[in-house]
Amino acid sequence: MPENTIFVKPAAGMRVVNPATGQPLPAEGEVVENGSYWIRRLDDADVTQEEMPVAVDAAPEAAAADAQQTAAKTKKADAKKE
């Protein structure tokens, strides 16, 4: 995670909009730019700063690997049908 980013989650019962995306912050949290907006949200206890879970870091890579495995299985199944 770059130095100018933090991982935040909305506090229980809070709906916080990420100004960079215009979308609500997901309940599982996300990496955001560490700027004045998020510092204010932290100060107001609207969000909590967390350690980034390993799954968040690996999620895009895992999804790509799963997609490749699925494609390979489909290709094998198609080849057997022929």
C-alpha atoms as a PDB file:
ATOM      1  CA  MET A   1       0.000   0.000   0.000  1.00  0.00           C
ATOM      2  CA  PRO A   2       1.527   3.370  -0.970  1.00  0.00           C
ATOM      3  CA  GLU A   3       2.430   5.736   1.849  1.00  0.00           C
ATOM      4  CA  ASN A   4      -0.239   8.277   0.891  1.00  0.00           C
ATOM      5  CA  THR A   5      -3.087   5.774   1.256  1.00  0.00           C
ATOM      6  CA  ILE A   6      -4.953   4.250   4.189  1.00  0.00           C
ATOM      7  CA  PHE A   7      -7.462   1.430   4.579  1.00  0.00           C
ATOM      8  CA  VAL A   8     -10.735   2.583   6.139  1.00  0.00           C
ATOM      9  CA  LYS A   9     -14.082   1.027   7.005  1.00  0.00           C
ATOM     10  CA  PRO A  10     -17.301   2.861   7.784  1.00  0.00           C
ATOM     11  CA  ALA A  11     -18.168   2.908  11.488  1.00  0.00           C
ATOM     12  CA  ALA A  12     -21.101   0.736  12.535  1.00  0.00           C
ATOM     13  CA  GLY A  13     -24.332   2.144  11.132  1.00  0.00           C
ATOM     14  CA  MET A  14     -22.574   4.821   9.064  1.00  0.00           C
ATOM     15  CA  ARG A  15     -22.864   5.421   5.321  1.00  0.00           C
ATOM     16  CA  VAL A  16     -19.857   7.398   4.131  1.00  0.00           C
ATOM     17  CA  VAL A  17     -19.403   8.491   0.522  1.00  0.00           C
ATOM     18  CA  ASN A  18     -15.951   8.266  -1.036  1.00  0.00           C
ATOM     19  CA  PRO A  19     -15.536  11.636  -2.789  1.00  0.00           C
ATOM     20  CA  ALA A  20     -13.111  10.121  -5.301  1.00  0.00           C
ATOM     21  CA  THR A  21     -15.742   7.684  -6.605  1.00  0.00           C
ATOM     22  CA  GLY A  22     -19.032   9.241  -5.506  1.00  0.00           C
ATOM     23  CA  GLN A  23     -19.992   5.806  -4.145  1.00  0.00           C
ATOM     24  CA  PRO A  24     -20.585   4.710  -0.554  1.00  0.00           C
ATOM     25  CA  LEU A  25     -17.606   3.190   1.181  1.00  0.00           C
ATOM     26  CA  PRO A  26     -18.147  -0.596   1.195  1.00  0.00           C
ATOM     27  CA  ALA A  27     -18.778  -2.191   4.594  1.00  0.00           C
ATOM     28  CA  GLU A  28     -15.661  -4.334   4.111  1.00  0.00           C
ATOM     29  CA  GLY A  29     -13.631  -1.143   3.631  1.00  0.00           C
ATOM     30  CA  GLU A  30     -11.281   0.076   0.943  1.00  0.00           C
ATOM     31  CA  VAL A  31      -7.987   1.808   0.317  1.00  0.00           C
ATOM     32  CA  VAL A  32      -8.354   5.575   0.019  1.00  0.00           C
ATOM     33  CA  GLU A  33      -6.013   8.525  -0.424  1.00  0.00           C
ATOM     34  CA  ASN A  34      -4.895   9.842   2.957  1.00  0.00           C
ATOM     35  CA  GLY A  35      -6.152  13.400   2.713  1.00  0.00           C
ATOM     36  CA  SER A  36      -8.067  15.985   4.707  1.00  0.00           C
ATOM     37  CA  TYR A  37     -11.480  14.457   3.912  1.00  0.00           C
ATOM     38  CA  TRP A  38     -10.568  11.093   5.426  1.00  0.00           C
ATOM     39  CA  ILE A  39      -8.736  12.682   8.350  1.00  0.00           C
ATOM     40  CA  ARG A  40     -11.969  14.540   9.191  1.00  0.00           C
ATOM     41  CA  ARG A  41     -13.996  11.326   8.846  1.00  0.00           C
ATOM     42  CA  LEU A  42     -11.568   9.616  11.234  1.00  0.00           C
ATOM     43  CA  ASP A  43     -11.703  12.531  13.703  1.00  0.00           C
ATOM     44  CA  ASP A  44     -15.513  12.454  13.610  1.00  0.00           C
ATOM     45  CA  ALA A  45     -15.496   8.635  14.088  1.00  0.00           C
ATOM     46  CA  ASP A  46     -17.438   8.181  10.833  1.00  0.00           C
ATOM     47  CA  VAL A  47     -14.794   5.663   9.705  1.00  0.00           C
ATOM     48  CA  THR A  48     -12.145   3.543  11.355  1.00  0.00           C
ATOM     49  CA  GLN A  49      -8.636   3.034  10.074  1.00  0.00           C
ATOM     50  CA  GLU A  50      -7.745  -0.644   9.863  1.00  0.00           C
ATOM     51  CA  GLU A  51      -4.848  -2.825   8.834  1.00  0.00           C
ATOM     52  CA  MET A  52      -5.450  -3.906   5.277  1.00  0.00           C
ATOM     53  CA  PRO A  53      -6.552  -7.548   5.219  1.00  0.00           C
ATOM     54  CA  VAL A  54      -4.497  -9.847   3.018  1.00  0.00           C
ATOM     55  CA  ALA A  55      -7.634 -10.800   1.078  1.00  0.00           C
ATOM     56  CA  VAL A  56      -8.111  -7.199  -0.086  1.00  0.00           C
ATOM     57  CA  ASP A  57      -4.563  -7.083  -1.426  1.00  0.00           C
ATOM     58  CA  ALA A  58      -4.855 -10.448  -3.185  1.00  0.00           C
ATOM     59  CA  ALA A  59      -8.452 -10.156  -4.389  1.00  0.00           C
ATOM     60  CA  PRO A  60      -7.747  -8.884  -7.941  1.00  0.00           C
ATOM     61  CA  GLU A  61      -4.976 -11.425  -8.436  1.00  0.00           C
ATOM     62  CA  ALA A  62      -7.091 -14.257  -7.040  1.00  0.00           C
ATOM     63  CA  ALA A  63     -10.014 -13.311  -9.268  1.00  0.00           C
ATOM     64  CA  ALA A  64      -7.757 -13.298 -12.322  1.00  0.00           C
ATOM     65  CA  ALA A  65      -6.319 -16.691 -11.372  1.00  0.00           C
ATOM     66  CA  ASP A  66      -9.820 -18.111 -10.877  1.00  0.00           C
ATOM     67  CA  ALA A  67     -10.887 -16.774 -14.262  1.00  0.00           C
ATOM     68  CA  GLN A  68      -7.865 -18.389 -15.933  1.00  0.00           C
ATOM     69  CA  GLN A  69      -8.558 -21.733 -14.234  1.00  0.00           C
ATOM     70  CA  THR A  70     -12.210 -21.613 -15.279  1.00  0.00           C
ATOM     71  CA  ALA A  71     -11.244 -20.807 -18.852  1.00  0.00           C
ATOM     72  CA  ALA A  72      -8.752 -23.684 -18.906  1.00  0.00           C
ATOM     73  CA  LYS A  73     -11.351 -26.132 -17.548  1.00  0.00           C
ATOM     74  CA  THR A  74     -13.906 -24.964 -20.107  1.00  0.00           C
ATOM     75  CA  LYS A  75     -11.375 -25.366 -22.894  1.00  0.00           C
ATOM     76  CA  LYS A  76     -10.570 -28.921 -21.734  1.00  0.00           C
ATOM     77  CA  ALA A  77     -14.253 -29.825 -21.509  1.00  0.00           C
ATOM     78  CA  ASP A  78     -14.874 -28.445 -24.999  1.00  0.00           C
ATOM     79  CA  ALA A  79     -11.924 -30.412 -26.377  1.00  0.00           C
ATOM     80  CA  LYS A  80     -13.264 -33.664 -24.877  1.00  0.00           C
ATOM     81  CA  LYS A  81     -16.648 -33.093 -26.541  1.00  0.00           C
ATOM     82  CA  GLU A  82     -15.034 -32.901 -29.968  1.00  0.00           C
END
